[in-house]
Amino acid sequence: MLVGRVVGNVWATRKDPSLEGMRFLMVRPFSTANTESQDVIVAGDTLGAGIGETVLVAFGRAARTVLGSQDLGWQVAVVAIVDSISLADGGVFELGEHGERIPVGEGAP
């Protein structure tokens, strides 16, 4: 799984029949250095995530389960829309528009 930001939509009028009706989002993963990766993945979305939202993405069987069938021709899916992230050091934050950490709760400025 990975956490990333939705940066766009993908529209495909011609696709495998198992993908009919599926919505596709472009997701830019976050790196461990508090920045967004330059890579983009395409994930199926049944939750209704929008551009700019932070999402949790799964791969393989877990993704196909969320998408509704193990017989799909797709293996990447948005499985959650992230509200905030809590770290082992006690920090709790939301992610800003460019992936920056915005503290929330007691430690917030």
PDB file of N, CA and C in Angstrom:
ATOM      1  N   MET A   1       0.843  -1.179   0.000  1.00  0.00           N
ATOM      2  CA  MET A   1       0.000   0.000   0.000  1.00  0.00           C
ATOM      3  C   MET A   1       0.887   1.242   0.000  1.00  0.00           C
ATOM      4  N   LEU A   2       0.300   2.326  -0.436  1.00  0.00           N
ATOM      5  CA  LEU A   2       1.009   3.601  -0.393  1.00  0.00           C
ATOM      6  C   LEU A   2       0.029   4.723  -0.150  1.00  0.00           C
ATOM      7  N   VAL A   3       0.566   5.863   0.283  1.00  0.00           N
ATOM      8  CA  VAL A   3      -0.224   7.073   0.480  1.00  0.00           C
ATOM      9  C   VAL A   3       0.201   8.069  -0.588  1.00  0.00           C
ATOM     10  N   GLY A   4      -0.773   8.725  -1.206  1.00  0.00           N
ATOM     11  CA  GLY A   4      -0.451   9.699  -2.238  1.00  0.00           C
ATOM     12  C   GLY A   4      -1.567  10.708  -2.413  1.00  0.00           C
ATOM     13  N   ARG A   5      -1.337  11.635  -3.323  1.00  0.00           N
ATOM     14  CA  ARG A   5      -2.306  12.688  -3.605  1.00  0.00           C
ATOM     15  C   ARG A   5      -2.897  12.484  -4.997  1.00  0.00           C
ATOM     16  N   VAL A   6      -4.207  12.657  -5.104  1.00  0.00           N
ATOM     17  CA  VAL A   6      -4.885  12.565  -6.401  1.00  0.00           C
ATOM     18  C   VAL A   6      -4.530  13.819  -7.196  1.00  0.00           C
ATOM     19  N   VAL A   7      -3.950  13.614  -8.383  1.00  0.00           N
ATOM     20  CA  VAL A   7      -3.513  14.742  -9.201  1.00  0.00           C
ATOM     21  C   VAL A   7      -4.257  14.835 -10.534  1.00  0.00           C
ATOM     22  N   GLY A   8      -5.146  13.888 -10.813  1.00  0.00           N
ATOM     23  CA  GLY A   8      -5.877  13.962 -12.071  1.00  0.00           C
ATOM     24  C   GLY A   8      -6.814  12.789 -12.273  1.00  0.00           C
ATOM     25  N   ASN A   9      -7.576  12.863 -13.358  1.00  0.00           N
ATOM     26  CA  ASN A   9      -8.492  11.804 -13.772  1.00  0.00           C
ATOM     27  C   ASN A   9      -8.001  11.208 -15.079  1.00  0.00           C
ATOM     28  N   VAL A  10      -8.336   9.956 -15.320  1.00  0.00           N
ATOM     29  CA  VAL A  10      -8.039   9.308 -16.596  1.00  0.00           C
ATOM     30  C   VAL A  10      -9.368   8.865 -17.200  1.00  0.00           C
ATOM     31  N   TRP A  11      -9.614   9.273 -18.438  1.00  0.00           N
ATOM     32  CA  TRP A  11     -10.837   8.900 -19.129  1.00  0.00           C
ATOM     33  C   TRP A  11     -10.484   7.933 -20.254  1.00  0.00           C
ATOM     34  N   ALA A  12     -11.185   6.812 -20.336  1.00  0.00           N
ATOM     35  CA  ALA A  12     -10.948   5.825 -21.395  1.00  0.00           C
ATOM     36  C   ALA A  12     -12.298   5.326 -21.899  1.00  0.00           C
ATOM     37  N   THR A  13     -12.632   5.681 -23.129  1.00  0.00           N
ATOM     38  CA  THR A  13     -13.921   5.246 -23.668  1.00  0.00           C
ATOM     39  C   THR A  13     -13.850   3.807 -24.173  1.00  0.00           C
ATOM     40  N   ARG A  14     -12.665   3.350 -24.566  1.00  0.00           N
ATOM     41  CA  ARG A  14     -12.480   1.965 -25.018  1.00  0.00           C
ATOM     42  C   ARG A  14     -11.586   1.267 -24.013  1.00  0.00           C
ATOM     43  N   LYS A  15     -12.104   0.206 -23.395  1.00  0.00           N
ATOM     44  CA  LYS A  15     -11.354  -0.527 -22.367  1.00  0.00           C
ATOM     45  C   LYS A  15     -11.895  -1.945 -22.273  1.00  0.00           C
ATOM     46  N   ASP A  16     -11.191  -2.771 -21.514  1.00  0.00           N
ATOM     47  CA  ASP A  16     -11.631  -4.135 -21.281  1.00  0.00           C
ATOM     48  C   ASP A  16     -13.042  -4.103 -20.689  1.00  0.00           C
ATOM     49  N   PRO A  17     -13.916  -4.999 -21.103  1.00  0.00           N
ATOM     50  CA  PRO A  17     -15.294  -5.001 -20.593  1.00  0.00           C
ATOM     51  C   PRO A  17     -15.387  -5.095 -19.062  1.00  0.00           C
ATOM     52  N   SER A  18     -14.416  -5.732 -18.412  1.00  0.00           N
ATOM     53  CA  SER A  18     -14.461  -5.852 -16.945  1.00  0.00           C
ATOM     54  C   SER A  18     -14.262  -4.505 -16.256  1.00  0.00           C
ATOM     55  N   LEU A  19     -13.808  -3.505 -16.999  1.00  0.00           N
ATOM     56  CA  LEU A  19     -13.537  -2.184 -16.432  1.00  0.00           C
ATOM     57  C   LEU A  19     -14.642  -1.167 -16.727  1.00  0.00           C
ATOM     58  N   GLU A  20     -15.720  -1.605 -17.371  1.00  0.00           N
ATOM     59  CA  GLU A  20     -16.825  -0.695 -17.688  1.00  0.00           C
ATOM     60  C   GLU A  20     -17.365  -0.061 -16.415  1.00  0.00           C
ATOM     61  N   GLY A  21     -17.545   1.237 -16.450  1.00  0.00           N
ATOM     62  CA  GLY A  21     -18.099   1.960 -15.315  1.00  0.00           C
ATOM     63  C   GLY A  21     -17.096   2.320 -14.232  1.00  0.00           C
ATOM     64  N   MET A  22     -15.847   1.863 -14.364  1.00  0.00           N
ATOM     65  CA  MET A  22     -14.844   2.164 -13.346  1.00  0.00           C
ATOM     66  C   MET A  22     -14.246   3.550 -13.576  1.00  0.00           C
ATOM     67  N   ARG A  23     -14.027   4.253 -12.490  1.00  0.00           N
ATOM     68  CA  ARG A  23     -13.414   5.583 -12.503  1.00  0.00           C
ATOM     69  C   ARG A  23     -11.931   5.417 -12.228  1.00  0.00           C
ATOM     70  N   PHE A  24     -11.086   6.108 -12.989  1.00  0.00           N
ATOM     71  CA  PHE A  24      -9.635   6.014 -12.821  1.00  0.00           C
ATOM     72  C   PHE A  24      -9.054   7.356 -12.383  1.00  0.00           C
ATOM     73  N   LEU A  25      -8.168   7.305 -11.391  1.00  0.00           N
ATOM     74  CA  LEU A  25      -7.514   8.505 -10.878  1.00  0.00           C
ATOM     75  C   LEU A  25      -6.007   8.395 -11.021  1.00  0.00           C
ATOM     76  N   MET A  26      -5.372   9.515 -11.294  1.00  0.00           N
ATOM     77  CA  MET A  26      -3.907   9.589 -11.279  1.00  0.00           C
ATOM     78  C   MET A  26      -3.493   9.961  -9.857  1.00  0.00           C
ATOM     79  N   VAL A  27      -2.622   9.151  -9.241  1.00  0.00           N
ATOM     80  CA  VAL A  27      -2.183   9.370  -7.870  1.00  0.00           C
ATOM     81  C   VAL A  27      -0.670   9.513  -7.848  1.00  0.00           C
ATOM     82  N   ARG A  28      -0.191  10.585  -7.233  1.00  0.00           N
ATOM     83  CA  ARG A  28       1.245  10.810  -7.074  1.00  0.00           C
ATOM     84  C   ARG A  28       1.618  10.389  -5.646  1.00  0.00           C
ATOM     85  N   PRO A  29       2.419   9.303  -5.498  1.00  0.00           N
ATOM     86  CA  PRO A  29       2.782   8.812  -4.165  1.00  0.00           C
ATOM     87  C   PRO A  29       3.657   9.809  -3.403  1.00  0.00           C
ATOM     88  N   PHE A  30       3.551   9.759  -2.063  1.00  0.00           N
ATOM     89  CA  PHE A  30       4.447  10.529  -1.207  1.00  0.00           C
ATOM     90  C   PHE A  30       5.695   9.700  -0.965  1.00  0.00           C
ATOM     91  N   SER A  31       6.834  10.356  -0.865  1.00  0.00           N
ATOM     92  CA  SER A  31       8.081   9.664  -0.532  1.00  0.00           C
ATOM     93  C   SER A  31       8.310   9.775   0.970  1.00  0.00           C
ATOM     94  N   THR A  32       9.318   9.087   1.470  1.00  0.00           N
ATOM     95  CA  THR A  32       9.636   9.164   2.897  1.00  0.00           C
ATOM     96  C   THR A  32      10.314  10.474   3.256  1.00  0.00           C
ATOM     97  N   ALA A  33      10.625  11.290   2.283  1.00  0.00           N
ATOM     98  CA  ALA A  33      11.298  12.572   2.525  1.00  0.00           C
ATOM     99  C   ALA A  33      10.309  13.737   2.620  1.00  0.00           C
ATOM    100  N   ASN A  34       9.047  13.447   2.944  1.00  0.00           N
ATOM    101  CA  ASN A  34       8.008  14.477   3.074  1.00  0.00           C
ATOM    102  C   ASN A  34       7.694  15.184   1.766  1.00  0.00           C
ATOM    103  N   THR A  35       7.992  14.583   0.647  1.00  0.00           N
ATOM    104  CA  THR A  35       7.697  15.208  -0.638  1.00  0.00           C
ATOM    105  C   THR A  35       6.927  14.222  -1.506  1.00  0.00           C
ATOM    106  N   GLU A  36       6.320  14.728  -2.556  1.00  0.00           N
ATOM    107  CA  GLU A  36       5.634  13.873  -3.507  1.00  0.00           C
ATOM    108  C   GLU A  36       6.650  13.311  -4.498  1.00  0.00           C
ATOM    109  N   SER A  37       6.439  12.077  -4.912  1.00  0.00           N
ATOM    110  CA  SER A  37       7.261  11.445  -5.931  1.00  0.00           C
ATOM    111  C   SER A  37       6.996  12.123  -7.274  1.00  0.00           C
ATOM    112  N   GLN A  38       7.880  11.931  -8.221  1.00  0.00           N
ATOM    113  CA  GLN A  38       7.636  12.426  -9.574  1.00  0.00           C
ATOM    114  C   GLN A  38       6.842  11.416 -10.387  1.00  0.00           C
ATOM    115  N   ASP A  39       6.744  10.173  -9.886  1.00  0.00           N
ATOM    116  CA  ASP A  39       5.981   9.129 -10.570  1.00  0.00           C
ATOM    117  C   ASP A  39       4.498   9.298 -10.307  1.00  0.00           C
ATOM    118  N   VAL A  40       3.691   8.766 -11.210  1.00  0.00           N
ATOM    119  CA  VAL A  40       2.242   8.787 -11.051  1.00  0.00           C
ATOM    120  C   VAL A  40       1.730   7.388 -11.344  1.00  0.00           C
ATOM    121  N   ILE A  41       0.783   6.917 -10.527  1.00  0.00           N
ATOM    122  CA  ILE A  41       0.133   5.639 -10.800  1.00  0.00           C
ATOM    123  C   ILE A  41      -1.330   5.907 -11.107  1.00  0.00           C
ATOM    124  N   VAL A  42      -1.974   4.965 -11.773  1.00  0.00           N
ATOM    125  CA  VAL A  42      -3.396   5.083 -12.073  1.00  0.00           C
ATOM    126  C   VAL A  42      -4.122   4.041 -11.234  1.00  0.00           C
ATOM    127  N   ALA A  43      -5.102   4.498 -10.456  1.00  0.00           N
ATOM    128  CA  ALA A  43      -5.842   3.614  -9.553  1.00  0.00           C
ATOM    129  C   ALA A  43      -7.334   3.689  -9.838  1.00  0.00           C
ATOM    130  N   GLY A  44      -7.999   2.536  -9.755  1.00  0.00           N
ATOM    131  CA  GLY A  44      -9.454   2.519  -9.838  1.00  0.00           C
ATOM    132  C   GLY A  44     -10.025   3.114  -8.558  1.00  0.00           C
ATOM    133  N   ASP A  45     -11.157   3.799  -8.664  1.00  0.00           N
ATOM    134  CA  ASP A  45     -11.735   4.459  -7.497  1.00  0.00           C
ATOM    135  C   ASP A  45     -13.231   4.212  -7.425  1.00  0.00           C
ATOM    136  N   THR A  46     -13.672   3.608  -6.322  1.00  0.00           N
ATOM    137  CA  THR A  46     -15.105   3.424  -6.083  1.00  0.00           C
ATOM    138  C   THR A  46     -15.586   4.300  -4.927  1.00  0.00           C
ATOM    139  N   LEU A  47     -14.672   5.060  -4.300  1.00  0.00           N
ATOM    140  CA  LEU A  47     -15.009   5.857  -3.125  1.00  0.00           C
ATOM    141  C   LEU A  47     -15.369   7.302  -3.446  1.00  0.00           C
ATOM    142  N   GLY A  48     -15.013   7.764  -4.628  1.00  0.00           N
ATOM    143  CA  GLY A  48     -15.325   9.143  -5.004  1.00  0.00           C
ATOM    144  C   GLY A  48     -14.288  10.156  -4.576  1.00  0.00           C
ATOM    145  N   ALA A  49     -13.025   9.755  -4.507  1.00  0.00           N
ATOM    146  CA  ALA A  49     -11.957  10.697  -4.161  1.00  0.00           C
ATOM    147  C   ALA A  49     -11.838  11.762  -5.244  1.00  0.00           C
ATOM    148  N   GLY A  50     -11.423  12.953  -4.824  1.00  0.00           N
ATOM    149  CA  GLY A  50     -11.299  14.057  -5.766  1.00  0.00           C
ATOM    150  C   GLY A  50      -9.878  14.554  -5.886  1.00  0.00           C
ATOM    151  N   ILE A  51      -9.640  15.357  -6.900  1.00  0.00           N
ATOM    152  CA  ILE A  51      -8.319  15.937  -7.121  1.00  0.00           C
ATOM    153  C   ILE A  51      -7.921  16.738  -5.885  1.00  0.00           C
ATOM    154  N   GLY A  52      -6.667  16.530  -5.436  1.00  0.00           N
ATOM    155  CA  GLY A  52      -6.145  17.217  -4.272  1.00  0.00           C
ATOM    156  C   GLY A  52      -6.274  16.419  -2.985  1.00  0.00           C
ATOM    157  N   GLU A  53      -7.099  15.369  -2.983  1.00  0.00           N
ATOM    158  CA  GLU A  53      -7.265  14.587  -1.754  1.00  0.00           C
ATOM    159  C   GLU A  53      -6.120  13.600  -1.577  1.00  0.00           C
ATOM    160  N   THR A  54      -5.830  13.298  -0.307  1.00  0.00           N
ATOM    161  CA  THR A  54      -4.824  12.302   0.045  1.00  0.00           C
ATOM    162  C   THR A  54      -5.531  10.961   0.170  1.00  0.00           C
ATOM    163  N   VAL A  55      -4.973   9.929  -0.473  1.00  0.00           N
ATOM    164  CA  VAL A  55      -5.618   8.620  -0.506  1.00  0.00           C
ATOM    165  C   VAL A  55      -4.638   7.512  -0.152  1.00  0.00           C
ATOM    166  N   LEU A  56      -5.200   6.386   0.278  1.00  0.00           N
ATOM    167  CA  LEU A  56      -4.449   5.159   0.518  1.00  0.00           C
ATOM    168  C   LEU A  56      -4.742   4.251  -0.663  1.00  0.00           C
ATOM    169  N   VAL A  57      -3.689   3.704  -1.278  1.00  0.00           N
ATOM    170  CA  VAL A  57      -3.825   2.891  -2.478  1.00  0.00           C
ATOM    171  C   VAL A  57      -3.325   1.481  -2.190  1.00  0.00           C
ATOM    172  N   ALA A  58      -4.087   0.474  -2.621  1.00  0.00           N
ATOM    173  CA  ALA A  58      -3.704  -0.931  -2.469  1.00  0.00           C
ATOM    174  C   ALA A  58      -3.478  -1.540  -3.847  1.00  0.00           C
ATOM    175  N   PHE A  59      -2.771  -2.663  -3.837  1.00  0.00           N
ATOM    176  CA  PHE A  59      -2.427  -3.362  -5.078  1.00  0.00           C
ATOM    177  C   PHE A  59      -2.885  -4.823  -5.009  1.00  0.00           C
ATOM    178  N   GLY A  60      -3.013  -5.464  -6.163  1.00  0.00           N
ATOM    179  CA  GLY A  60      -3.288  -6.898  -6.234  1.00  0.00           C
ATOM    180  C   GLY A  60      -4.665  -7.292  -5.727  1.00  0.00           C
ATOM    181  N   ARG A  61      -4.695  -8.427  -5.013  1.00  0.00           N
ATOM    182  CA  ARG A  61      -5.958  -8.991  -4.534  1.00  0.00           C
ATOM    183  C   ARG A  61      -6.755  -7.997  -3.676  1.00  0.00           C
ATOM    184  N   ALA A  62      -6.071  -7.284  -2.797  1.00  0.00           N
ATOM    185  CA  ALA A  62      -6.758  -6.299  -1.943  1.00  0.00           C
ATOM    186  C   ALA A  62      -7.447  -5.248  -2.799  1.00  0.00           C
ATOM    187  N   ALA A  63      -6.777  -4.795  -3.841  1.00  0.00           N
ATOM    188  CA  ALA A  63      -7.363  -3.782  -4.724  1.00  0.00           C
ATOM    189  C   ALA A  63      -8.573  -4.349  -5.464  1.00  0.00           C
ATOM    190  N   ARG A  64      -8.436  -5.542  -6.002  1.00  0.00           N
ATOM    191  CA  ARG A  64      -9.558  -6.139  -6.741  1.00  0.00           C
ATOM    192  C   ARG A  64     -10.758  -6.388  -5.837  1.00  0.00           C
ATOM    193  N   THR A  65     -10.507  -6.726  -4.566  1.00  0.00           N
ATOM    194  CA  THR A  65     -11.609  -6.916  -3.619  1.00  0.00           C
ATOM    195  C   THR A  65     -12.387  -5.625  -3.447  1.00  0.00           C
ATOM    196  N   VAL A  66     -11.679  -4.514  -3.273  1.00  0.00           N
ATOM    197  CA  VAL A  66     -12.336  -3.216  -3.114  1.00  0.00           C
ATOM    198  C   VAL A  66     -13.081  -2.826  -4.390  1.00  0.00           C
ATOM    199  N   LEU A  67     -12.522  -3.174  -5.536  1.00  0.00           N
ATOM    200  CA  LEU A  67     -13.148  -2.823  -6.811  1.00  0.00           C
ATOM    201  C   LEU A  67     -14.341  -3.722  -7.136  1.00  0.00           C
ATOM    202  N   GLY A  68     -14.497  -4.825  -6.372  1.00  0.00           N
ATOM    203  CA  GLY A  68     -15.713  -5.623  -6.508  1.00  0.00           C
ATOM    204  C   GLY A  68     -15.585  -6.994  -7.131  1.00  0.00           C
ATOM    205  N   SER A  69     -14.404  -7.375  -7.639  1.00  0.00           N
ATOM    206  CA  SER A  69     -14.285  -8.689  -8.267  1.00  0.00           C
ATOM    207  C   SER A  69     -12.820  -9.075  -8.434  1.00  0.00           C
ATOM    208  N   GLN A  70     -12.528 -10.350  -8.217  1.00  0.00           N
ATOM    209  CA  GLN A  70     -11.178 -10.852  -8.460  1.00  0.00           C
ATOM    210  C   GLN A  70     -10.935 -11.076  -9.952  1.00  0.00           C
ATOM    211  N   ASP A  71     -11.979 -10.978 -10.770  1.00  0.00           N
ATOM    212  CA  ASP A  71     -11.861 -11.221 -12.207  1.00  0.00           C
ATOM    213  C   ASP A  71     -11.628  -9.950 -13.020  1.00  0.00           C
ATOM    214  N   LEU A  72     -11.341  -8.843 -12.342  1.00  0.00           N
ATOM    215  CA  LEU A  72     -11.085  -7.584 -13.052  1.00  0.00           C
ATOM    216  C   LEU A  72      -9.709  -7.577 -13.696  1.00  0.00           C
ATOM    217  N   GLY A  73      -9.596  -6.831 -14.783  1.00  0.00           N
ATOM    218  CA  GLY A  73      -8.307  -6.643 -15.433  1.00  0.00           C
ATOM    219  C   GLY A  73      -7.565  -5.445 -14.853  1.00  0.00           C
ATOM    220  N   TRP A  74      -7.616  -5.267 -13.538  1.00  0.00           N
ATOM    221  CA  TRP A  74      -6.999  -4.110 -12.884  1.00  0.00           C
ATOM    222  C   TRP A  74      -6.538  -4.499 -11.497  1.00  0.00           C
ATOM    223  N   GLN A  75      -5.387  -3.969 -11.052  1.00  0.00           N
ATOM    224  CA  GLN A  75      -4.835  -4.391  -9.767  1.00  0.00           C
ATOM    225  C   GLN A  75      -4.421  -3.248  -8.854  1.00  0.00           C
ATOM    226  N   VAL A  76      -4.950  -2.051  -9.077  1.00  0.00           N
ATOM    227  CA  VAL A  76      -4.601  -0.897  -8.243  1.00  0.00           C
ATOM    228  C   VAL A  76      -5.898  -0.164  -7.901  1.00  0.00           C
ATOM    229  N   ALA A  77      -6.111   0.135  -6.589  1.00  0.00           N
ATOM    230  CA  ALA A  77      -7.367   0.783  -6.197  1.00  0.00           C
ATOM    231  C   ALA A  77      -7.168   1.729  -5.021  1.00  0.00           C
ATOM    232  N   VAL A  78      -7.950   2.808  -5.036  1.00  0.00           N
ATOM    233  CA  VAL A  78      -8.058   3.679  -3.875  1.00  0.00           C
ATOM    234  C   VAL A  78      -8.901   2.922  -2.855  1.00  0.00           C
ATOM    235  N   VAL A  79      -8.353   2.712  -1.655  1.00  0.00           N
ATOM    236  CA  VAL A  79      -9.082   1.969  -0.623  1.00  0.00           C
ATOM    237  C   VAL A  79      -9.500   2.853   0.548  1.00  0.00           C
ATOM    238  N   ALA A  80      -8.996   4.094   0.610  1.00  0.00           N
ATOM    239  CA  ALA A  80      -9.381   5.016   1.682  1.00  0.00           C
ATOM    240  C   ALA A  80      -9.031   6.440   1.283  1.00  0.00           C
ATOM    241  N   ILE A  81      -9.823   7.385   1.788  1.00  0.00           N
ATOM    242  CA  ILE A  81      -9.508   8.804   1.677  1.00  0.00           C
ATOM    243  C   ILE A  81      -8.981   9.209   3.048  1.00  0.00           C
ATOM    244  N   VAL A  82      -7.741   9.698   3.096  1.00  0.00           N
ATOM    245  CA  VAL A  82      -7.035   9.953   4.352  1.00  0.00           C
ATOM    246  C   VAL A  82      -7.438  11.298   4.942  1.00  0.00           C
ATOM    247  N   ASP A  83      -7.794  11.292   6.239  1.00  0.00           N
ATOM    248  CA  ASP A  83      -8.114  12.532   6.954  1.00  0.00           C
ATOM    249  C   ASP A  83      -6.870  13.114   7.616  1.00  0.00           C
ATOM    250  N   SER A  84      -6.102  12.261   8.289  1.00  0.00           N
ATOM    251  CA  SER A  84      -4.867  12.704   8.930  1.00  0.00           C
ATOM    252  C   SER A  84      -3.957  11.503   9.108  1.00  0.00           C
ATOM    253  N   ILE A  85      -2.704  11.774   9.474  1.00  0.00           N
ATOM    254  CA  ILE A  85      -1.701  10.727   9.675  1.00  0.00           C
ATOM    255  C   ILE A  85      -1.070  10.932  11.042  1.00  0.00           C
ATOM    256  N   SER A  86      -0.891   9.851  11.783  1.00  0.00           N
ATOM    257  CA  SER A  86      -0.280   9.889  13.107  1.00  0.00           C
ATOM    258  C   SER A  86       1.024   9.095  13.054  1.00  0.00           C
ATOM    259  N   LEU A  87       2.119   9.691  13.563  1.00  0.00           N
ATOM    260  CA  LEU A  87       3.435   9.059  13.509  1.00  0.00           C
ATOM    261  C   LEU A  87       3.852   8.491  14.860  1.00  0.00           C
ATOM    262  N   ALA A  88       4.851   7.616  14.838  1.00  0.00           N
ATOM    263  CA  ALA A  88       5.358   6.993  16.061  1.00  0.00           C
ATOM    264  C   ALA A  88       5.890   8.016  17.047  1.00  0.00           C
ATOM    265  N   ASP A  89       6.386   9.148  16.569  1.00  0.00           N
ATOM    266  CA  ASP A  89       6.928  10.173  17.471  1.00  0.00           C
ATOM    267  C   ASP A  89       5.834  11.007  18.137  1.00  0.00           C
ATOM    268  N   GLY A  90       4.578  10.651  17.902  1.00  0.00           N
ATOM    269  CA  GLY A  90       3.464  11.355  18.523  1.00  0.00           C
ATOM    270  C   GLY A  90       2.894  12.465  17.670  1.00  0.00           C
ATOM    271  N   GLY A  91       3.541  12.783  16.564  1.00  0.00           N
ATOM    272  CA  GLY A  91       3.045  13.840  15.694  1.00  0.00           C
ATOM    273  C   GLY A  91       1.806  13.401  14.937  1.00  0.00           C
ATOM    274  N   VAL A  92       0.830  14.292  14.854  1.00  0.00           N
ATOM    275  CA  VAL A  92      -0.377  14.064  14.065  1.00  0.00           C
ATOM    276  C   VAL A  92      -0.483  15.214  13.078  1.00  0.00           C
ATOM    277  N   PHE A  93      -0.707  14.889  11.822  1.00  0.00           N
ATOM    278  CA  PHE A  93      -0.763  15.940  10.818  1.00  0.00           C
ATOM    279  C   PHE A  93      -1.698  15.597   9.685  1.00  0.00           C
ATOM    280  N   GLU A  94      -2.120  16.638   9.000  1.00  0.00           N
ATOM    281  CA  GLU A  94      -2.812  16.510   7.737  1.00  0.00           C
ATOM    282  C   GLU A  94      -1.799  16.882   6.669  1.00  0.00           C
ATOM    283  N   LEU A  95      -2.057  16.494   5.449  1.00  0.00           N
ATOM    284  CA  LEU A  95      -1.145  16.821   4.370  1.00  0.00           C
ATOM    285  C   LEU A  95      -1.675  18.013   3.596  1.00  0.00           C
ATOM    286  N   GLY A  96      -0.805  19.008   3.391  1.00  0.00           N
ATOM    287  CA  GLY A  96      -1.181  20.206   2.658  1.00  0.00           C
ATOM    288  C   GLY A  96      -1.249  19.960   1.168  1.00  0.00           C
ATOM    289  N   GLU A  97      -1.544  20.985   0.442  1.00  0.00           N
ATOM    290  CA  GLU A  97      -1.734  20.908  -1.000  1.00  0.00           C
ATOM    291  C   GLU A  97      -0.524  20.355  -1.744  1.00  0.00           C
ATOM    292  N   HIS A  98       0.670  20.593  -1.219  1.00  0.00           N
ATOM    293  CA  HIS A  98       1.894  20.139  -1.881  1.00  0.00           C
ATOM    294  C   HIS A  98       2.590  19.040  -1.094  1.00  0.00           C
ATOM    295  N   GLY A  99       1.843  18.333  -0.227  1.00  0.00           N
ATOM    296  CA  GLY A  99       2.405  17.235   0.534  1.00  0.00           C
ATOM    297  C   GLY A  99       3.072  17.648   1.828  1.00  0.00           C
ATOM    298  N   GLU A 100       3.039  18.931   2.152  1.00  0.00           N
ATOM    299  CA  GLU A 100       3.668  19.384   3.388  1.00  0.00           C
ATOM    300  C   GLU A 100       2.834  18.956   4.591  1.00  0.00           C
ATOM    301  N   ARG A 101       3.497  18.719   5.716  1.00  0.00           N
ATOM    302  CA  ARG A 101       2.806  18.312   6.940  1.00  0.00           C
ATOM    303  C   ARG A 101       2.225  19.528   7.652  1.00  0.00           C
ATOM    304  N   ILE A 102       0.947  19.471   7.963  1.00  0.00           N
ATOM    305  CA  ILE A 102       0.276  20.526   8.709  1.00  0.00           C
ATOM    306  C   ILE A 102      -0.128  19.922  10.054  1.00  0.00           C
ATOM    307  N   PRO A 103       0.547  20.299  11.158  1.00  0.00           N
ATOM    308  CA  PRO A 103       0.221  19.721  12.464  1.00  0.00           C
ATOM    309  C   PRO A 103      -1.213  20.006  12.874  1.00  0.00           C
ATOM    310  N   VAL A 104      -1.835  19.028  13.533  1.00  0.00           N
ATOM    311  CA  VAL A 104      -3.184  19.191  14.075  1.00  0.00           C
ATOM    312  C   VAL A 104      -3.184  18.731  15.528  1.00  0.00           C
ATOM    313  N   GLY A 105      -4.140  19.138  16.278  1.00  0.00           N
ATOM    314  CA  GLY A 105      -4.258  18.690  17.671  1.00  0.00           C
ATOM    315  C   GLY A 105      -3.442  19.549  18.607  1.00  0.00           C
ATOM    316  N   GLU A 106      -3.016  18.961  19.737  1.00  0.00           N
ATOM    317  CA  GLU A 106      -2.341  19.693  20.810  1.00  0.00           C
ATOM    318  C   GLU A 106      -1.022  20.322  20.373  1.00  0.00           C
ATOM    319  N   GLY A 107      -0.271  19.651  19.485  1.00  0.00           N
ATOM    320  CA  GLY A 107       1.027  20.165  19.082  1.00  0.00           C
ATOM    321  C   GLY A 107       0.981  21.195  17.984  1.00  0.00           C
ATOM    322  N   ALA A 108      -0.217  21.526  17.531  1.00  0.00           N
ATOM    323  CA  ALA A 108      -0.350  22.475  16.414  1.00  0.00           C
ATOM    324  C   ALA A 108      -0.054  23.891  16.886  1.00  0.00           C
ATOM    325  N   PRO A 109       0.583  24.684  16.015  1.00  0.00           N
ATOM    326  CA  PRO A 109       0.876  26.085  16.368  1.00  0.00           C
ATOM    327  C   PRO A 109      -0.382  26.925  16.474  1.00  0.00           C
TER     328      PRO A 109
END
